[in-house]
Amino acid sequence: MHDAVAIIESGPLICLVRINQLELLPRLFAKILVPPEVWNEVTVRGQDHPGAYEVSQVTWMTIQAPDPQLVKPLGILVDAGEAEAIALAQITADCTILLDDARARKIAQRLNIKQIGTIGLLLRAKRKGLISTRSVIF
């Protein structure tokens, strides 16, 4: 059974690509949303970095912009990608935000947004039998 919606930030996205586990996302979530700033950070500005091409070829992610009025105050506290991800989570029903940054996670928690980090996501995949302990090597 899939959770409904995941909103992913660049940190977890890059980590999953680097450990060849990006395909876990559509196996764990029915829909994966990526804020434009995260997409640009990973595939445009990061086009020469490992994983950028792989992410750019994915067809199961949807780029979705948040309300700019929600992003603005968050942008003072966290980077632009995290601000967009948190803002998008504020207006998306039944979602889980994938964040690794401690400050961003604390903000999401204060806003009562369901969240998980990369390690938590891998543990969930392990519990569901989607990966073995040995399949994930950092």
N, C-alpha and C. Protein backbone atom coordinates (compact mmCIF):
# COMPACT_ATOMS: atom_id res chain seq x y z
N MET A 1 0.84 -1.19 0.00
CA MET A 1 0.00 0.00 0.00
C MET A 1 0.88 1.24 0.00
N HIS A 2 0.54 2.20 -0.85
CA HIS A 2 1.28 3.44 -0.97
C HIS A 2 0.72 4.49 -0.01
N ASP A 3 1.60 5.33 0.49
CA ASP A 3 1.14 6.56 1.12
C ASP A 3 0.70 7.46 -0.02
N ALA A 4 -0.07 8.48 0.28
CA ALA A 4 -0.65 9.30 -0.77
C ALA A 4 0.37 10.14 -1.54
N VAL A 5 0.90 11.16 -0.93
CA VAL A 5 1.74 12.12 -1.65
C VAL A 5 3.05 12.35 -0.90
N ALA A 6 4.14 12.37 -1.65
CA ALA A 6 5.44 12.77 -1.09
C ALA A 6 5.86 14.07 -1.76
N ILE A 7 6.37 14.98 -0.95
CA ILE A 7 6.99 16.20 -1.47
C ILE A 7 8.46 16.07 -1.11
N ILE A 8 9.32 16.09 -2.12
CA ILE A 8 10.73 15.81 -1.86
C ILE A 8 11.59 17.04 -2.04
N GLU A 9 12.54 17.17 -1.13
CA GLU A 9 13.52 18.26 -1.16
C GLU A 9 14.81 17.71 -1.76
N SER A 10 15.71 18.58 -2.15
CA SER A 10 16.90 18.16 -2.90
C SER A 10 17.82 17.21 -2.13
N GLY A 11 17.98 17.39 -0.83
CA GLY A 11 18.88 16.52 -0.07
C GLY A 11 18.51 15.05 -0.19
N PRO A 12 17.29 14.68 0.19
CA PRO A 12 16.89 13.27 0.05
C PRO A 12 16.89 12.80 -1.41
N LEU A 13 16.52 13.68 -2.33
CA LEU A 13 16.50 13.31 -3.74
C LEU A 13 17.91 12.93 -4.21
N ILE A 14 18.88 13.76 -3.89
CA ILE A 14 20.27 13.50 -4.27
C ILE A 14 20.79 12.24 -3.58
N CYS A 15 20.49 12.08 -2.31
CA CYS A 15 20.94 10.87 -1.59
C CYS A 15 20.39 9.61 -2.23
N LEU A 16 19.11 9.59 -2.54
CA LEU A 16 18.50 8.40 -3.14
C LEU A 16 19.12 8.08 -4.49
N VAL A 17 19.42 9.10 -5.28
CA VAL A 17 20.07 8.86 -6.57
C VAL A 17 21.46 8.26 -6.36
N ARG A 18 22.21 8.83 -5.45
CA ARG A 18 23.60 8.39 -5.23
C ARG A 18 23.70 6.96 -4.72
N ILE A 19 22.68 6.49 -4.03
CA ILE A 19 22.72 5.10 -3.54
C ILE A 19 21.84 4.18 -4.39
N ASN A 20 21.47 4.67 -5.58
CA ASN A 20 20.68 3.88 -6.54
C ASN A 20 19.36 3.38 -5.96
N GLN A 21 18.69 4.24 -5.21
CA GLN A 21 17.41 3.86 -4.61
C GLN A 21 16.28 4.84 -4.98
N LEU A 22 16.46 5.62 -6.03
CA LEU A 22 15.44 6.59 -6.43
C LEU A 22 14.10 5.92 -6.72
N GLU A 23 14.14 4.72 -7.25
CA GLU A 23 12.91 4.01 -7.61
C GLU A 23 12.08 3.58 -6.41
N LEU A 24 12.60 3.78 -5.20
CA LEU A 24 11.78 3.50 -4.02
C LEU A 24 10.61 4.47 -3.92
N LEU A 25 10.81 5.69 -4.38
CA LEU A 25 9.76 6.70 -4.21
C LEU A 25 8.41 6.28 -4.79
N PRO A 26 8.32 5.87 -6.07
CA PRO A 26 7.00 5.47 -6.57
C PRO A 26 6.50 4.15 -5.99
N ARG A 27 7.37 3.42 -5.32
CA ARG A 27 6.94 2.19 -4.67
C ARG A 27 6.36 2.47 -3.28
N LEU A 28 6.71 3.62 -2.72
CA LEU A 28 6.24 3.99 -1.39
C LEU A 28 5.13 5.04 -1.40
N PHE A 29 5.06 5.82 -2.48
CA PHE A 29 4.10 6.92 -2.55
C PHE A 29 3.34 6.88 -3.88
N ALA A 30 2.06 7.21 -3.82
CA ALA A 30 1.23 7.22 -5.03
C ALA A 30 1.59 8.38 -5.95
N LYS A 31 2.03 9.49 -5.36
CA LYS A 31 2.35 10.68 -6.14
C LYS A 31 3.57 11.36 -5.51
N ILE A 32 4.50 11.81 -6.36
CA ILE A 32 5.69 12.50 -5.87
C ILE A 32 5.73 13.89 -6.48
N LEU A 33 5.72 14.90 -5.61
CA LEU A 33 5.77 16.29 -6.04
C LEU A 33 7.15 16.87 -5.77
N VAL A 34 7.64 17.66 -6.72
CA VAL A 34 8.93 18.31 -6.59
C VAL A 34 8.73 19.81 -6.81
N PRO A 35 9.08 20.64 -5.84
CA PRO A 35 8.98 22.08 -6.05
C PRO A 35 9.95 22.53 -7.16
N PRO A 36 9.60 23.57 -7.91
CA PRO A 36 10.47 24.03 -9.01
C PRO A 36 11.90 24.35 -8.57
N GLU A 37 12.06 24.95 -7.40
CA GLU A 37 13.41 25.29 -6.92
C GLU A 37 14.24 24.03 -6.70
N VAL A 38 13.63 22.98 -6.20
CA VAL A 38 14.34 21.71 -6.00
C VAL A 38 14.71 21.12 -7.35
N TRP A 39 13.77 21.11 -8.28
CA TRP A 39 14.04 20.59 -9.62
C TRP A 39 15.21 21.33 -10.26
N ASN A 40 15.18 22.66 -10.19
CA ASN A 40 16.25 23.47 -10.78
C ASN A 40 17.59 23.24 -10.09
N GLU A 41 17.55 23.13 -8.78
CA GLU A 41 18.78 22.90 -8.02
C GLU A 41 19.45 21.59 -8.43
N VAL A 42 18.65 20.57 -8.63
CA VAL A 42 19.19 19.24 -8.92
C VAL A 42 19.49 19.06 -10.41
N THR A 43 18.58 19.48 -11.29
CA THR A 43 18.73 19.15 -12.71
C THR A 43 19.27 20.27 -13.58
N VAL A 44 19.14 21.52 -13.15
CA VAL A 44 19.62 22.65 -13.97
C VAL A 44 20.95 23.17 -13.41
N ARG A 45 20.90 23.76 -12.23
CA ARG A 45 22.14 24.27 -11.64
C ARG A 45 23.10 23.14 -11.28
N GLY A 46 22.55 21.97 -11.01
CA GLY A 46 23.39 20.82 -10.67
C GLY A 46 23.59 19.85 -11.82
N GLN A 47 23.40 20.33 -13.04
CA GLN A 47 23.44 19.42 -14.20
C GLN A 47 24.75 18.66 -14.36
N ASP A 48 25.83 19.17 -13.84
CA ASP A 48 27.12 18.48 -13.95
C ASP A 48 27.40 17.56 -12.76
N HIS A 49 26.48 17.50 -11.82
CA HIS A 49 26.68 16.68 -10.63
C HIS A 49 26.12 15.27 -10.84
N PRO A 50 26.66 14.30 -10.12
CA PRO A 50 26.14 12.93 -10.22
C PRO A 50 24.65 12.88 -9.89
N GLY A 51 23.90 12.17 -10.70
CA GLY A 51 22.48 11.97 -10.45
C GLY A 51 21.56 12.95 -11.15
N ALA A 52 22.09 14.08 -11.62
CA ALA A 52 21.24 15.09 -12.25
C ALA A 52 20.52 14.52 -13.48
N TYR A 53 21.26 13.81 -14.31
CA TYR A 53 20.66 13.25 -15.51
C TYR A 53 19.58 12.23 -15.15
N GLU A 54 19.86 11.37 -14.19
CA GLU A 54 18.90 10.35 -13.79
C GLU A 54 17.60 10.98 -13.30
N VAL A 55 17.71 12.02 -12.50
CA VAL A 55 16.52 12.71 -12.00
C VAL A 55 15.77 13.35 -13.16
N SER A 56 16.48 13.96 -14.10
CA SER A 56 15.82 14.65 -15.21
C SER A 56 15.04 13.69 -16.11
N GLN A 57 15.38 12.41 -16.08
CA GLN A 57 14.71 11.43 -16.94
C GLN A 57 13.49 10.77 -16.29
N VAL A 58 13.28 11.01 -15.01
CA VAL A 58 12.17 10.40 -14.29
C VAL A 58 10.84 10.96 -14.80
N THR A 59 9.90 10.07 -15.04
CA THR A 59 8.58 10.50 -15.54
C THR A 59 7.51 10.48 -14.46
N TRP A 60 7.81 9.93 -13.31
CA TRP A 60 6.79 9.79 -12.27
C TRP A 60 6.80 10.91 -11.24
N MET A 61 7.64 11.91 -11.41
CA MET A 61 7.63 13.08 -10.52
C MET A 61 6.87 14.21 -11.20
N THR A 62 6.15 14.97 -10.41
CA THR A 62 5.42 16.12 -10.91
C THR A 62 6.01 17.39 -10.30
N ILE A 63 6.38 18.32 -11.15
CA ILE A 63 6.88 19.60 -10.66
C ILE A 63 5.66 20.45 -10.33
N GLN A 64 5.59 20.92 -9.10
CA GLN A 64 4.44 21.72 -8.67
C GLN A 64 4.91 22.88 -7.81
N ALA A 65 4.46 24.06 -8.18
CA ALA A 65 4.85 25.27 -7.46
C ALA A 65 3.93 25.52 -6.27
N PRO A 66 4.50 25.98 -5.17
CA PRO A 66 3.69 26.35 -4.01
C PRO A 66 3.19 27.78 -4.14
N ASP A 67 2.38 28.19 -3.20
CA ASP A 67 1.91 29.57 -3.12
C ASP A 67 3.09 30.46 -2.72
N PRO A 68 3.47 31.44 -3.56
CA PRO A 68 4.61 32.30 -3.24
C PRO A 68 4.47 33.04 -1.91
N GLN A 69 3.23 33.33 -1.52
CA GLN A 69 3.01 34.02 -0.24
C GLN A 69 3.40 33.15 0.95
N LEU A 70 3.31 31.84 0.79
CA LEU A 70 3.73 30.93 1.85
C LEU A 70 5.25 30.73 1.86
N VAL A 71 5.86 30.84 0.68
CA VAL A 71 7.30 30.62 0.56
C VAL A 71 8.10 31.76 1.19
N LYS A 72 7.63 32.98 0.97
CA LYS A 72 8.40 34.16 1.36
C LYS A 72 8.85 34.15 2.83
N PRO A 73 7.96 33.97 3.81
CA PRO A 73 8.44 33.97 5.20
C PRO A 73 9.34 32.78 5.53
N LEU A 74 9.13 31.66 4.87
CA LEU A 74 9.96 30.47 5.11
C LEU A 74 11.38 30.67 4.57
N GLY A 75 11.48 31.44 3.48
CA GLY A 75 12.77 31.69 2.85
C GLY A 75 13.75 32.43 3.73
N ILE A 76 13.26 33.06 4.77
CA ILE A 76 14.13 33.74 5.73
C ILE A 76 14.81 32.72 6.64
N LEU A 77 14.16 31.58 6.84
CA LEU A 77 14.62 30.59 7.81
C LEU A 77 15.40 29.42 7.21
N VAL A 78 15.07 29.05 5.98
CA VAL A 78 15.70 27.90 5.33
C VAL A 78 16.01 28.24 3.88
N ASP A 79 16.73 27.36 3.19
CA ASP A 79 17.06 27.66 1.80
C ASP A 79 15.81 27.59 0.91
N ALA A 80 15.95 28.07 -0.31
CA ALA A 80 14.81 28.22 -1.21
C ALA A 80 14.09 26.90 -1.51
N GLY A 81 14.84 25.83 -1.72
CA GLY A 81 14.21 24.54 -2.00
C GLY A 81 13.42 24.02 -0.82
N GLU A 82 13.98 24.14 0.36
CA GLU A 82 13.28 23.72 1.57
C GLU A 82 12.05 24.57 1.81
N ALA A 83 12.17 25.88 1.58
CA ALA A 83 11.03 26.79 1.76
C ALA A 83 9.89 26.41 0.82
N GLU A 84 10.21 26.13 -0.44
CA GLU A 84 9.16 25.74 -1.40
C GLU A 84 8.55 24.39 -1.02
N ALA A 85 9.36 23.46 -0.57
CA ALA A 85 8.84 22.14 -0.19
C ALA A 85 7.89 22.25 1.00
N ILE A 86 8.28 23.02 2.01
CA ILE A 86 7.43 23.19 3.19
C ILE A 86 6.15 23.93 2.82
N ALA A 87 6.27 24.97 2.00
CA ALA A 87 5.08 25.72 1.57
C ALA A 87 4.13 24.84 0.78
N LEU A 88 4.68 24.00 -0.09
CA LEU A 88 3.84 23.08 -0.87
C LEU A 88 3.15 22.07 0.04
N ALA A 89 3.85 21.61 1.05
CA ALA A 89 3.25 20.66 2.00
C ALA A 89 2.11 21.29 2.79
N GLN A 90 2.20 22.59 3.03
CA GLN A 90 1.14 23.29 3.76
C GLN A 90 -0.19 23.26 3.01
N ILE A 91 -0.14 23.17 1.69
CA ILE A 91 -1.38 23.23 0.90
C ILE A 91 -1.72 21.90 0.22
N THR A 92 -0.98 20.84 0.56
CA THR A 92 -1.21 19.54 -0.06
C THR A 92 -1.77 18.57 0.98
N ALA A 93 -2.94 18.06 0.72
CA ALA A 93 -3.59 17.13 1.65
C ALA A 93 -2.87 15.79 1.65
N ASP A 94 -2.89 15.13 2.79
CA ASP A 94 -2.38 13.77 2.96
C ASP A 94 -0.98 13.59 2.37
N CYS A 95 -0.06 14.46 2.78
CA CYS A 95 1.29 14.39 2.24
C CYS A 95 2.33 14.14 3.32
N THR A 96 3.46 13.67 2.87
CA THR A 96 4.65 13.52 3.71
C THR A 96 5.76 14.28 3.01
N ILE A 97 6.48 15.10 3.76
CA ILE A 97 7.59 15.84 3.18
C ILE A 97 8.88 15.11 3.49
N LEU A 98 9.74 14.97 2.50
CA LEU A 98 11.03 14.31 2.66
C LEU A 98 12.10 15.37 2.83
N LEU A 99 12.61 15.49 4.04
CA LEU A 99 13.59 16.52 4.42
C LEU A 99 14.69 15.90 5.27
N ASP A 100 15.92 16.34 5.08
CA ASP A 100 17.01 15.91 5.95
C ASP A 100 17.53 17.04 6.83
N ASP A 101 17.38 18.27 6.40
CA ASP A 101 17.90 19.42 7.14
C ASP A 101 17.17 19.58 8.48
N ALA A 102 17.93 19.65 9.56
CA ALA A 102 17.34 19.72 10.91
C ALA A 102 16.46 20.94 11.10
N ARG A 103 16.90 22.10 10.65
CA ARG A 103 16.10 23.32 10.82
C ARG A 103 14.79 23.22 10.03
N ALA A 104 14.87 22.74 8.80
CA ALA A 104 13.67 22.60 7.98
C ALA A 104 12.70 21.59 8.60
N ARG A 105 13.23 20.51 9.15
CA ARG A 105 12.38 19.50 9.79
C ARG A 105 11.68 20.07 11.02
N LYS A 106 12.39 20.90 11.77
CA LYS A 106 11.80 21.52 12.96
C LYS A 106 10.65 22.45 12.56
N ILE A 107 10.84 23.19 11.48
CA ILE A 107 9.78 24.09 10.99
C ILE A 107 8.58 23.27 10.53
N ALA A 108 8.83 22.22 9.77
CA ALA A 108 7.74 21.36 9.31
C ALA A 108 6.98 20.76 10.49
N GLN A 109 7.72 20.36 11.51
CA GLN A 109 7.09 19.80 12.71
C GLN A 109 6.19 20.83 13.38
N ARG A 110 6.67 22.06 13.50
CA ARG A 110 5.86 23.12 14.11
C ARG A 110 4.59 23.39 13.32
N LEU A 111 4.66 23.16 12.01
CA LEU A 111 3.49 23.37 11.15
C LEU A 111 2.62 22.12 11.04
N ASN A 112 2.94 21.10 11.84
CA ASN A 112 2.19 19.83 11.84
C ASN A 112 2.20 19.13 10.49
N ILE A 113 3.33 19.20 9.81
CA ILE A 113 3.49 18.53 8.52
C ILE A 113 4.19 17.19 8.78
N LYS A 114 3.59 16.13 8.26
CA LYS A 114 4.19 14.80 8.38
C LYS A 114 5.50 14.79 7.60
N GLN A 115 6.56 14.28 8.22
CA GLN A 115 7.88 14.34 7.59
C GLN A 115 8.65 13.06 7.80
N ILE A 116 9.64 12.87 6.94
CA ILE A 116 10.55 11.74 7.05
C ILE A 116 11.86 12.14 6.38
N GLY A 117 12.96 11.63 6.90
CA GLY A 117 14.27 11.88 6.29
C GLY A 117 14.68 10.70 5.43
N THR A 118 15.83 10.81 4.82
CA THR A 118 16.31 9.74 3.94
C THR A 118 16.46 8.42 4.69
N ILE A 119 17.07 8.46 5.87
CA ILE A 119 17.25 7.23 6.64
C ILE A 119 15.90 6.63 7.03
N GLY A 120 14.98 7.45 7.45
CA GLY A 120 13.64 6.97 7.79
C GLY A 120 12.94 6.34 6.60
N LEU A 121 13.13 6.94 5.43
CA LEU A 121 12.54 6.40 4.20
C LEU A 121 13.13 5.02 3.89
N LEU A 122 14.44 4.90 4.04
CA LEU A 122 15.08 3.60 3.80
C LEU A 122 14.62 2.55 4.80
N LEU A 123 14.45 2.95 6.05
CA LEU A 123 13.94 2.02 7.06
C LEU A 123 12.52 1.59 6.74
N ARG A 124 11.69 2.52 6.27
CA ARG A 124 10.32 2.18 5.87
C ARG A 124 10.35 1.18 4.71
N ALA A 125 11.22 1.43 3.73
CA ALA A 125 11.33 0.52 2.59
C ALA A 125 11.79 -0.86 3.05
N LYS A 126 12.70 -0.91 4.00
CA LYS A 126 13.17 -2.19 4.54
C LYS A 126 12.04 -2.93 5.24
N ARG A 127 11.29 -2.21 6.08
CA ARG A 127 10.15 -2.83 6.80
C ARG A 127 9.11 -3.39 5.83
N LYS A 128 8.95 -2.73 4.69
CA LYS A 128 7.97 -3.18 3.70
C LYS A 128 8.54 -4.25 2.77
N GLY A 129 9.80 -4.62 2.99
CA GLY A 129 10.41 -5.66 2.17
C GLY A 129 10.85 -5.19 0.79
N LEU A 130 10.99 -3.90 0.60
CA LEU A 130 11.37 -3.37 -0.71
C LEU A 130 12.88 -3.38 -0.93
N ILE A 131 13.64 -3.39 0.16
CA ILE A 131 15.10 -3.44 0.06
C ILE A 131 15.62 -4.33 1.19
N SER A 132 16.83 -4.82 0.98
CA SER A 132 17.50 -5.56 2.05
C SER A 132 18.54 -4.63 2.67
N THR A 133 19.00 -4.97 3.82
CA THR A 133 20.01 -4.15 4.49
C THR A 133 21.25 -4.03 3.62
N ARG A 134 21.61 -5.10 2.96
CA ARG A 134 22.82 -5.09 2.13
C ARG A 134 22.65 -4.33 0.82
N SER A 135 21.42 -4.05 0.41
CA SER A 135 21.22 -3.37 -0.88
C SER A 135 21.52 -1.88 -0.80
N VAL A 136 21.64 -1.35 0.40
CA VAL A 136 21.92 0.07 0.57
C VAL A 136 23.31 0.22 1.15
N ILE A 137 24.22 0.67 0.32
CA ILE A 137 25.59 0.89 0.77
C ILE A 137 25.92 2.35 0.53
N PHE A 138 26.27 3.04 1.61
CA PHE A 138 26.58 4.47 1.51
C PHE A 138 28.02 4.67 1.10
